[in-house]
Amino acid sequence: SPATVQGYEVIERNFGDFLDTPISLITCLSLQTAINDYAQSGEKD
C-alpha cells in the first residue's frame, strides 16, 4: 500500500549513517547497536 511504502521511505531517511554499511559487513552486534541508537533518536531527543 502507498502508506506502507511511505513508512519504509521515512525509515530509510531517518535511520542514519549505518545504512551506508555494505550488507556483507553487517553483524548482529553492529545491527543491534544501530537499532539501539535509532530507538533513542526520536523527535526532541
All heavy atoms as atom14 arrays in JSON, in Angstrom:
{
  "sequence": "SPATVQGYEVIERNFGDFLDTPISLITCLSLQTAINDYAQSGEKD",
  "atom14_mask": [
    [1, 1, 1, 1, 1, 1, 0, 0, 0, 0, 0, 0, 0, 0],
    [1, 1, 1, 1, 1, 1, 1, 0, 0, 0, 0, 0, 0, 0],
    [1, 1, 1, 1, 1, 0, 0, 0, 0, 0, 0, 0, 0, 0],
    [1, 1, 1, 1, 1, 1, 1, 0, 0, 0, 0, 0, 0, 0],
    [1, 1, 1, 1, 1, 1, 1, 0, 0, 0, 0, 0, 0, 0],
    [1, 1, 1, 1, 1, 1, 1, 1, 1, 0, 0, 0, 0, 0],
    [1, 1, 1, 1, 0, 0, 0, 0, 0, 0, 0, 0, 0, 0],
    [1, 1, 1, 1, 1, 1, 1, 1, 1, 1, 1, 1, 0, 0],
    [1, 1, 1, 1, 1, 1, 1, 1, 1, 0, 0, 0, 0, 0],
    [1, 1, 1, 1, 1, 1, 1, 0, 0, 0, 0, 0, 0, 0],
    [1, 1, 1, 1, 1, 1, 1, 1, 0, 0, 0, 0, 0, 0],
    [1, 1, 1, 1, 1, 1, 1, 1, 1, 0, 0, 0, 0, 0],
    [1, 1, 1, 1, 1, 1, 1, 1, 1, 1, 1, 0, 0, 0],
    [1, 1, 1, 1, 1, 1, 1, 1, 0, 0, 0, 0, 0, 0],
    [1, 1, 1, 1, 1, 1, 1, 1, 1, 1, 1, 0, 0, 0],
    [1, 1, 1, 1, 0, 0, 0, 0, 0, 0, 0, 0, 0, 0],
    [1, 1, 1, 1, 1, 1, 1, 1, 0, 0, 0, 0, 0, 0],
    [1, 1, 1, 1, 1, 1, 1, 1, 1, 1, 1, 0, 0, 0],
    [1, 1, 1, 1, 1, 1, 1, 1, 0, 0, 0, 0, 0, 0],
    [1, 1, 1, 1, 1, 1, 1, 1, 0, 0, 0, 0, 0, 0],
    [1, 1, 1, 1, 1, 1, 1, 0, 0, 0, 0, 0, 0, 0],
    [1, 1, 1, 1, 1, 1, 1, 0, 0, 0, 0, 0, 0, 0],
    [1, 1, 1, 1, 1, 1, 1, 1, 0, 0, 0, 0, 0, 0],
    [1, 1, 1, 1, 1, 1, 0, 0, 0, 0, 0, 0, 0, 0],
    [1, 1, 1, 1, 1, 1, 1, 1, 0, 0, 0, 0, 0, 0],
    [1, 1, 1, 1, 1, 1, 1, 1, 0, 0, 0, 0, 0, 0],
    [1, 1, 1, 1, 1, 1, 1, 0, 0, 0, 0, 0, 0, 0],
    [1, 1, 1, 1, 1, 1, 0, 0, 0, 0, 0, 0, 0, 0],
    [1, 1, 1, 1, 1, 1, 1, 1, 0, 0, 0, 0, 0, 0],
    [1, 1, 1, 1, 1, 1, 0, 0, 0, 0, 0, 0, 0, 0],
    [1, 1, 1, 1, 1, 1, 1, 1, 0, 0, 0, 0, 0, 0],
    [1, 1, 1, 1, 1, 1, 1, 1, 1, 0, 0, 0, 0, 0],
    [1, 1, 1, 1, 1, 1, 1, 0, 0, 0, 0, 0, 0, 0],
    [1, 1, 1, 1, 1, 0, 0, 0, 0, 0, 0, 0, 0, 0],
    [1, 1, 1, 1, 1, 1, 1, 1, 0, 0, 0, 0, 0, 0],
    [1, 1, 1, 1, 1, 1, 1, 1, 0, 0, 0, 0, 0, 0],
    [1, 1, 1, 1, 1, 1, 1, 1, 0, 0, 0, 0, 0, 0],
    [1, 1, 1, 1, 1, 1, 1, 1, 1, 1, 1, 1, 0, 0],
    [1, 1, 1, 1, 1, 0, 0, 0, 0, 0, 0, 0, 0, 0],
    [1, 1, 1, 1, 1, 1, 1, 1, 1, 0, 0, 0, 0, 0],
    [1, 1, 1, 1, 1, 1, 0, 0, 0, 0, 0, 0, 0, 0],
    [1, 1, 1, 1, 0, 0, 0, 0, 0, 0, 0, 0, 0, 0],
    [1, 1, 1, 1, 1, 1, 1, 1, 1, 0, 0, 0, 0, 0],
    [1, 1, 1, 1, 1, 1, 1, 1, 1, 0, 0, 0, 0, 0],
    [1, 1, 1, 1, 1, 1, 1, 1, 0, 0, 0, 0, 0, 0]
  ],
  "atom14_positions": [
    [[0.84, -1.19, 0.0], [0.0, 0.0, 0.0], [0.88, 1.25, 0.0], [2.02, 1.23, 0.49], [-0.9, 0.02, 1.24], [-0.14, 0.29, 2.4], [0.0, 0.0, 0.0], [0.0, 0.0, 0.0], [0.0, 0.0, 0.0], [0.0, 0.0, 0.0], [0.0, 0.0, 0.0], [0.0, 0.0, 0.0], [0.0, 0.0, 0.0], [0.0, 0.0, 0.0]],
    [[0.37, 2.38, -0.53], [1.15, 3.62, -0.51], [1.57, 4.03, 0.89], [2.66, 4.56, 1.08], [0.18, 4.64, -1.13], [-0.73, 3.82, -1.99], [-0.9, 2.53, -1.26], [0.0, 0.0, 0.0], [0.0, 0.0, 0.0], [0.0, 0.0, 0.0], [0.0, 0.0, 0.0], [0.0, 0.0, 0.0], [0.0, 0.0, 0.0], [0.0, 0.0, 0.0]],
    [[0.73, 3.77, 1.89], [1.07, 4.13, 3.26], [2.25, 3.31, 3.77], [3.13, 3.83, 4.46], [-0.14, 3.93, 4.17], [0.0, 0.0, 0.0], [0.0, 0.0, 0.0], [0.0, 0.0, 0.0], [0.0, 0.0, 0.0], [0.0, 0.0, 0.0], [0.0, 0.0, 0.0], [0.0, 0.0, 0.0], [0.0, 0.0, 0.0], [0.0, 0.0, 0.0]],
    [[2.29, 2.02, 3.42], [3.41, 1.17, 3.83], [4.7, 1.62, 3.16], [5.75, 1.71, 3.8], [3.12, -0.3, 3.48], [1.93, -0.73, 4.16], [4.29, -1.2, 3.89], [0.0, 0.0, 0.0], [0.0, 0.0, 0.0], [0.0, 0.0, 0.0], [0.0, 0.0, 0.0], [0.0, 0.0, 0.0], [0.0, 0.0, 0.0], [0.0, 0.0, 0.0]],
    [[4.61, 1.93, 1.87], [5.79, 2.42, 1.15], [6.3, 3.72, 1.78], [7.5, 3.9, 1.98], [5.46, 2.64, -0.34], [6.6, 3.36, -1.05], [5.19, 1.3, -1.02], [0.0, 0.0, 0.0], [0.0, 0.0, 0.0], [0.0, 0.0, 0.0], [0.0, 0.0, 0.0], [0.0, 0.0, 0.0], [0.0, 0.0, 0.0], [0.0, 0.0, 0.0]],
    [[5.38, 4.62, 2.1], [5.79, 5.88, 2.73], [6.48, 5.61, 4.06], [7.49, 6.24, 4.39], [4.58, 6.78, 2.95], [4.97, 8.15, 3.55], [3.8, 8.9, 4.12], [2.89, 8.3, 4.72], [3.78, 10.21, 3.94], [0.0, 0.0, 0.0], [0.0, 0.0, 0.0], [0.0, 0.0, 0.0], [0.0, 0.0, 0.0], [0.0, 0.0, 0.0]],
    [[5.95, 4.66, 4.84], [6.56, 4.32, 6.11], [7.98, 3.81, 5.94], [8.89, 4.17, 6.7], [0.0, 0.0, 0.0], [0.0, 0.0, 0.0], [0.0, 0.0, 0.0], [0.0, 0.0, 0.0], [0.0, 0.0, 0.0], [0.0, 0.0, 0.0], [0.0, 0.0, 0.0], [0.0, 0.0, 0.0], [0.0, 0.0, 0.0], [0.0, 0.0, 0.0]],
    [[8.2, 2.98, 4.92], [9.55, 2.48, 4.63], [10.48, 3.62, 4.23], [11.65, 3.67, 4.64], [9.5, 1.44, 3.51], [8.91, 0.11, 3.92], [8.52, -0.82, 2.96], [8.74, -0.22, 5.26], [7.99, -2.05, 3.33], [8.21, -1.45, 5.63], [7.83, -2.36, 4.66], [7.31, -3.57, 5.02], [0.0, 0.0, 0.0], [0.0, 0.0, 0.0]],
    [[9.97, 4.54, 3.41], [10.8, 5.66, 2.97], [11.18, 6.57, 4.15], [12.29, 7.11, 4.19], [10.07, 6.45, 1.89], [9.94, 5.67, 0.58], [9.06, 6.37, -0.45], [8.23, 7.21, -0.05], [9.21, 6.07, -1.64], [0.0, 0.0, 0.0], [0.0, 0.0, 0.0], [0.0, 0.0, 0.0], [0.0, 0.0, 0.0], [0.0, 0.0, 0.0]],
    [[10.28, 6.73, 5.1], [10.59, 7.54, 6.29], [11.69, 6.87, 7.1], [12.62, 7.53, 7.59], [9.32, 7.73, 7.15], [9.68, 8.32, 8.51], [8.33, 8.63, 6.43], [0.0, 0.0, 0.0], [0.0, 0.0, 0.0], [0.0, 0.0, 0.0], [0.0, 0.0, 0.0], [0.0, 0.0, 0.0], [0.0, 0.0, 0.0], [0.0, 0.0, 0.0]],
    [[11.62, 5.55, 7.25], [12.67, 4.82, 7.97], [14.0, 4.99, 7.27], [15.04, 5.25, 7.89], [12.3, 3.33, 8.1], [11.06, 3.16, 8.99], [13.47, 2.52, 8.65], [10.48, 1.77, 8.97], [0.0, 0.0, 0.0], [0.0, 0.0, 0.0], [0.0, 0.0, 0.0], [0.0, 0.0, 0.0], [0.0, 0.0, 0.0], [0.0, 0.0, 0.0]],
    [[13.99, 4.87, 5.94], [15.23, 4.98, 5.15], [15.84, 6.38, 5.3], [17.06, 6.53, 5.34], [14.93, 4.65, 3.68], [16.18, 4.52, 2.82], [16.42, 5.76, 1.99], [15.45, 6.3, 1.43], [17.57, 6.19, 1.93], [0.0, 0.0, 0.0], [0.0, 0.0, 0.0], [0.0, 0.0, 0.0], [0.0, 0.0, 0.0], [0.0, 0.0, 0.0]],
    [[15.01, 7.39, 5.41], [15.52, 8.76, 5.55], [16.07, 9.03, 6.96], [17.0, 9.82, 7.12], [14.43, 9.79, 5.24], [14.07, 9.91, 3.77], [13.33, 11.19, 3.5], [12.1, 11.3, 4.27], [10.91, 10.86, 3.84], [10.8, 10.29, 2.65], [9.83, 10.99, 4.58], [0.0, 0.0, 0.0], [0.0, 0.0, 0.0], [0.0, 0.0, 0.0]],
    [[15.48, 8.37, 7.96], [15.77, 8.75, 9.34], [16.7, 7.8, 10.09], [17.1, 8.11, 11.22], [14.46, 8.88, 10.14], [13.58, 9.99, 9.63], [14.05, 10.94, 9.02], [12.28, 9.88, 9.85], [0.0, 0.0, 0.0], [0.0, 0.0, 0.0], [0.0, 0.0, 0.0], [0.0, 0.0, 0.0], [0.0, 0.0, 0.0], [0.0, 0.0, 0.0]],
    [[17.04, 6.66, 9.49], [17.76, 5.66, 10.29], [19.2, 6.06, 10.57], [19.78, 5.68, 11.57], [17.72, 4.3, 9.59], [17.97, 3.17, 10.54], [16.93, 2.61, 11.26], [19.24, 2.68, 10.74], [17.15, 1.59, 12.16], [19.49, 1.64, 11.63], [18.43, 1.09, 12.34], [0.0, 0.0, 0.0], [0.0, 0.0, 0.0], [0.0, 0.0, 0.0]],
    [[19.84, 6.81, 9.68], [21.19, 7.28, 9.97], [22.26, 6.67, 9.09], [22.0, 5.95, 8.13], [0.0, 0.0, 0.0], [0.0, 0.0, 0.0], [0.0, 0.0, 0.0], [0.0, 0.0, 0.0], [0.0, 0.0, 0.0], [0.0, 0.0, 0.0], [0.0, 0.0, 0.0], [0.0, 0.0, 0.0], [0.0, 0.0, 0.0], [0.0, 0.0, 0.0]],
    [[23.51, 6.96, 9.44], [24.65, 6.59, 8.61], [24.88, 5.08, 8.54], [25.59, 4.61, 7.64], [25.93, 7.26, 9.14], [25.88, 8.78, 8.99], [25.09, 9.25, 8.15], [26.61, 9.47, 9.72], [0.0, 0.0, 0.0], [0.0, 0.0, 0.0], [0.0, 0.0, 0.0], [0.0, 0.0, 0.0], [0.0, 0.0, 0.0], [0.0, 0.0, 0.0]],
    [[24.31, 4.32, 9.47], [24.5, 2.87, 9.44], [24.03, 2.28, 8.11], [24.53, 1.24, 7.67], [23.75, 2.21, 10.6], [23.83, 0.72, 10.62], [24.99, 0.07, 11.03], [22.75, -0.06, 10.2], [25.07, -1.31, 11.04], [22.82, -1.44, 10.21], [23.99, -2.07, 10.63], [0.0, 0.0, 0.0], [0.0, 0.0, 0.0], [0.0, 0.0, 0.0]],
    [[23.07, 2.94, 7.47], [22.53, 2.42, 6.22], [23.56, 2.44, 5.1], [23.37, 1.78, 4.08], [21.3, 3.23, 5.79], [20.09, 3.18, 6.73], [18.91, 3.88, 6.09], [19.73, 1.76, 7.11], [0.0, 0.0, 0.0], [0.0, 0.0, 0.0], [0.0, 0.0, 0.0], [0.0, 0.0, 0.0], [0.0, 0.0, 0.0], [0.0, 0.0, 0.0]],
    [[24.66, 3.14, 5.29], [25.7, 3.17, 4.26], [26.71, 2.03, 4.43], [27.71, 1.97, 3.72], [26.44, 4.52, 4.3], [25.5, 5.67, 3.94], [24.68, 5.49, 3.01], [25.56, 6.72, 4.61], [0.0, 0.0, 0.0], [0.0, 0.0, 0.0], [0.0, 0.0, 0.0], [0.0, 0.0, 0.0], [0.0, 0.0, 0.0], [0.0, 0.0, 0.0]],
    [[26.43, 1.11, 5.36], [27.26, -0.06, 5.57], [26.98, -1.1, 4.49], [25.81, -1.41, 4.23], [26.98, -0.69, 6.94], [27.13, 0.29, 7.96], [27.92, -1.87, 7.21], [0.0, 0.0, 0.0], [0.0, 0.0, 0.0], [0.0, 0.0, 0.0], [0.0, 0.0, 0.0], [0.0, 0.0, 0.0], [0.0, 0.0, 0.0], [0.0, 0.0, 0.0]],
    [[27.99, -1.69, 3.85], [27.74, -2.8, 2.91], [27.07, -3.95, 3.66], [27.47, -4.28, 4.79], [29.15, -3.18, 2.44], [29.95, -1.94, 2.63], [29.41, -1.29, 3.86], [0.0, 0.0, 0.0], [0.0, 0.0, 0.0], [0.0, 0.0, 0.0], [0.0, 0.0, 0.0], [0.0, 0.0, 0.0], [0.0, 0.0, 0.0], [0.0, 0.0, 0.0]],
    [[26.09, -4.55, 3.04], [25.34, -5.58, 3.75], [26.2, -6.78, 4.1], [25.89, -7.52, 5.04], [24.09, -6.01, 2.95], [24.47, -6.58, 1.59], [23.11, -4.87, 2.8], [23.27, -7.1, 0.82], [0.0, 0.0, 0.0], [0.0, 0.0, 0.0], [0.0, 0.0, 0.0], [0.0, 0.0, 0.0], [0.0, 0.0, 0.0], [0.0, 0.0, 0.0]],
    [[27.29, -6.98, 3.37], [28.18, -8.1, 3.67], [28.93, -7.89, 4.98], [29.47, -8.84, 5.56], [29.18, -8.3, 2.54], [29.98, -7.14, 2.36], [0.0, 0.0, 0.0], [0.0, 0.0, 0.0], [0.0, 0.0, 0.0], [0.0, 0.0, 0.0], [0.0, 0.0, 0.0], [0.0, 0.0, 0.0], [0.0, 0.0, 0.0], [0.0, 0.0, 0.0]],
    [[28.99, -6.63, 5.47], [29.73, -6.33, 6.69], [28.83, -6.17, 7.91], [29.33, -5.91, 9.02], [30.55, -5.04, 6.49], [31.58, -5.06, 5.35], [32.32, -3.73, 5.3], [32.55, -6.23, 5.52], [0.0, 0.0, 0.0], [0.0, 0.0, 0.0], [0.0, 0.0, 0.0], [0.0, 0.0, 0.0], [0.0, 0.0, 0.0], [0.0, 0.0, 0.0]],
    [[27.53, -6.32, 7.75], [26.61, -6.16, 8.86], [26.68, -7.39, 9.76], [26.57, -8.53, 9.3], [25.18, -5.92, 8.37], [25.09, -4.59, 7.61], [24.19, -5.91, 9.54], [23.73, -4.32, 6.99], [0.0, 0.0, 0.0], [0.0, 0.0, 0.0], [0.0, 0.0, 0.0], [0.0, 0.0, 0.0], [0.0, 0.0, 0.0], [0.0, 0.0, 0.0]],
    [[26.85, -7.16, 11.05], [26.88, -8.23, 12.03], [25.74, -8.04, 13.02], [25.1, -6.98, 13.07], [28.21, -8.25, 12.79], [28.32, -7.03, 13.56], [29.39, -8.34, 11.83], [0.0, 0.0, 0.0], [0.0, 0.0, 0.0], [0.0, 0.0, 0.0], [0.0, 0.0, 0.0], [0.0, 0.0, 0.0], [0.0, 0.0, 0.0], [0.0, 0.0, 0.0]],
    [[25.53, -9.06, 13.84], [24.5, -8.95, 14.88], [24.8, -7.79, 15.81], [23.91, -7.02, 16.18], [24.41, -10.27, 15.65], [23.15, -10.26, 16.95], [0.0, 0.0, 0.0], [0.0, 0.0, 0.0], [0.0, 0.0, 0.0], [0.0, 0.0, 0.0], [0.0, 0.0, 0.0], [0.0, 0.0, 0.0], [0.0, 0.0, 0.0], [0.0, 0.0, 0.0]],
    [[26.07, -7.63, 16.19], [26.46, -6.56, 17.1], [26.26, -5.19, 16.47], [25.71, -4.28, 17.1], [27.93, -6.73, 17.52], [28.49, -5.64, 18.44], [27.69, -5.56, 19.73], [29.97, -5.89, 18.73], [0.0, 0.0, 0.0], [0.0, 0.0, 0.0], [0.0, 0.0, 0.0], [0.0, 0.0, 0.0], [0.0, 0.0, 0.0], [0.0, 0.0, 0.0]],
    [[26.7, -5.03, 15.22], [26.56, -3.71, 14.59], [25.1, -3.35, 14.36], [24.7, -2.19, 14.54], [27.34, -3.66, 13.26], [26.77, -4.55, 12.3], [0.0, 0.0, 0.0], [0.0, 0.0, 0.0], [0.0, 0.0, 0.0], [0.0, 0.0, 0.0], [0.0, 0.0, 0.0], [0.0, 0.0, 0.0], [0.0, 0.0, 0.0], [0.0, 0.0, 0.0]],
    [[24.28, -4.33, 13.99], [22.86, -4.05, 13.77], [22.17, -3.75, 15.1], [21.34, -2.85, 15.17], [22.19, -5.24, 13.09], [20.69, -5.11, 12.8], [20.39, -3.85, 12.0], [20.17, -6.33, 12.06], [0.0, 0.0, 0.0], [0.0, 0.0, 0.0], [0.0, 0.0, 0.0], [0.0, 0.0, 0.0], [0.0, 0.0, 0.0], [0.0, 0.0, 0.0]],
    [[22.52, -4.5, 16.16], [21.93, -4.23, 17.46], [22.27, -2.82, 17.94], [21.41, -2.1, 18.45], [22.43, -5.25, 18.48], [21.84, -5.07, 19.88], [20.36, -5.41, 19.93], [19.97, -6.57, 19.81], [19.52, -4.4, 20.11], [0.0, 0.0, 0.0], [0.0, 0.0, 0.0], [0.0, 0.0, 0.0], [0.0, 0.0, 0.0], [0.0, 0.0, 0.0]],
    [[23.53, -2.41, 17.74], [23.95, -1.05, 18.12], [23.17, 0.01, 17.35], [22.73, 1.02, 17.9], [25.46, -0.88, 17.89], [26.18, -1.87, 18.62], [25.92, 0.51, 18.31], [0.0, 0.0, 0.0], [0.0, 0.0, 0.0], [0.0, 0.0, 0.0], [0.0, 0.0, 0.0], [0.0, 0.0, 0.0], [0.0, 0.0, 0.0], [0.0, 0.0, 0.0]],
    [[22.97, -0.23, 16.05], [22.23, 0.72, 15.21], [20.77, 0.8, 15.65], [20.18, 1.89, 15.68], [22.33, 0.31, 13.75], [0.0, 0.0, 0.0], [0.0, 0.0, 0.0], [0.0, 0.0, 0.0], [0.0, 0.0, 0.0], [0.0, 0.0, 0.0], [0.0, 0.0, 0.0], [0.0, 0.0, 0.0], [0.0, 0.0, 0.0], [0.0, 0.0, 0.0]],
    [[20.18, -0.35, 15.99], [18.79, -0.36, 16.47], [18.69, 0.42, 17.78], [17.74, 1.2, 17.99], [18.31, -1.81, 16.66], [18.16, -2.52, 15.31], [16.99, -1.84, 17.43], [17.03, -2.02, 14.45], [0.0, 0.0, 0.0], [0.0, 0.0, 0.0], [0.0, 0.0, 0.0], [0.0, 0.0, 0.0], [0.0, 0.0, 0.0], [0.0, 0.0, 0.0]],
    [[19.66, 0.23, 18.67], [19.65, 0.95, 19.94], [19.73, 2.46, 19.72], [19.02, 3.24, 20.36], [20.83, 0.5, 20.82], [20.72, -0.96, 21.22], [19.67, -1.58, 21.07], [21.81, -1.51, 21.73], [0.0, 0.0, 0.0], [0.0, 0.0, 0.0], [0.0, 0.0, 0.0], [0.0, 0.0, 0.0], [0.0, 0.0, 0.0], [0.0, 0.0, 0.0]],
    [[20.62, 2.87, 18.8], [20.77, 4.31, 18.5], [19.48, 4.87, 17.91], [19.06, 5.98, 18.26], [21.94, 4.53, 17.53], [23.29, 4.23, 18.16], [23.36, 4.19, 19.41], [24.26, 4.04, 17.41], [0.0, 0.0, 0.0], [0.0, 0.0, 0.0], [0.0, 0.0, 0.0], [0.0, 0.0, 0.0], [0.0, 0.0, 0.0], [0.0, 0.0, 0.0]],
    [[18.87, 4.12, 17.01], [17.62, 4.56, 16.39], [16.52, 4.72, 17.44], [15.73, 5.66, 17.39], [17.2, 3.56, 15.32], [15.94, 3.93, 14.57], [15.94, 4.95, 13.61], [14.73, 3.26, 14.81], [14.78, 5.29, 12.93], [13.57, 3.58, 14.12], [13.61, 4.6, 13.19], [12.45, 4.93, 12.51], [0.0, 0.0, 0.0], [0.0, 0.0, 0.0]],
    [[16.49, 3.8, 18.39], [15.46, 3.84, 19.43], [15.56, 5.11, 20.28], [14.56, 5.62, 20.78], [15.55, 2.61, 20.32], [0.0, 0.0, 0.0], [0.0, 0.0, 0.0], [0.0, 0.0, 0.0], [0.0, 0.0, 0.0], [0.0, 0.0, 0.0], [0.0, 0.0, 0.0], [0.0, 0.0, 0.0], [0.0, 0.0, 0.0], [0.0, 0.0, 0.0]],
    [[16.78, 5.62, 20.44], [16.99, 6.79, 21.3], [16.97, 8.12, 20.55], [17.13, 9.18, 21.16], [18.33, 6.65, 22.03], [18.41, 5.45, 22.96], [17.33, 5.49, 24.03], [17.05, 6.54, 24.61], [16.72, 4.34, 24.3], [0.0, 0.0, 0.0], [0.0, 0.0, 0.0], [0.0, 0.0, 0.0], [0.0, 0.0, 0.0], [0.0, 0.0, 0.0]],
    [[16.77, 8.08, 19.23], [16.91, 9.3, 18.42], [15.59, 9.82, 17.89], [15.48, 10.21, 16.74], [17.86, 9.03, 17.24], [17.33, 8.0, 16.41], [0.0, 0.0, 0.0], [0.0, 0.0, 0.0], [0.0, 0.0, 0.0], [0.0, 0.0, 0.0], [0.0, 0.0, 0.0], [0.0, 0.0, 0.0], [0.0, 0.0, 0.0], [0.0, 0.0, 0.0]],
    [[14.58, 9.84, 18.76], [13.28, 10.35, 18.34], [13.27, 11.87, 18.28], [14.29, 12.54, 18.5], [0.0, 0.0, 0.0], [0.0, 0.0, 0.0], [0.0, 0.0, 0.0], [0.0, 0.0, 0.0], [0.0, 0.0, 0.0], [0.0, 0.0, 0.0], [0.0, 0.0, 0.0], [0.0, 0.0, 0.0], [0.0, 0.0, 0.0], [0.0, 0.0, 0.0]],
    [[12.11, 12.43, 18.0], [11.98, 13.88, 17.92], [12.17, 14.52, 19.29], [11.77, 13.96, 20.32], [10.61, 14.26, 17.35], [10.41, 13.84, 15.89], [9.07, 14.27, 15.35], [8.3, 14.91, 16.11], [8.79, 13.98, 14.18], [0.0, 0.0, 0.0], [0.0, 0.0, 0.0], [0.0, 0.0, 0.0], [0.0, 0.0, 0.0], [0.0, 0.0, 0.0]],
    [[12.79, 15.67, 19.31], [13.04, 16.44, 20.54], [13.8, 15.6, 21.57], [13.54, 15.68, 22.79], [11.72, 16.96, 21.13], [10.97, 17.9, 20.2], [9.68, 18.38, 20.82], [8.94, 19.32, 19.87], [7.65, 19.8, 20.44], [0.0, 0.0, 0.0], [0.0, 0.0, 0.0], [0.0, 0.0, 0.0], [0.0, 0.0, 0.0], [0.0, 0.0, 0.0]],
    [[14.73, 14.76, 21.05], [15.6, 13.94, 21.9], [14.83, 12.96, 22.79], [15.32, 12.54, 23.84], [16.48, 14.83, 22.79], [17.44, 15.68, 21.96], [17.9, 15.18, 20.91], [17.71, 16.83, 22.35], [0.0, 0.0, 0.0], [0.0, 0.0, 0.0], [0.0, 0.0, 0.0], [0.0, 0.0, 0.0], [0.0, 0.0, 0.0], [0.0, 0.0, 0.0]]
  ]
}
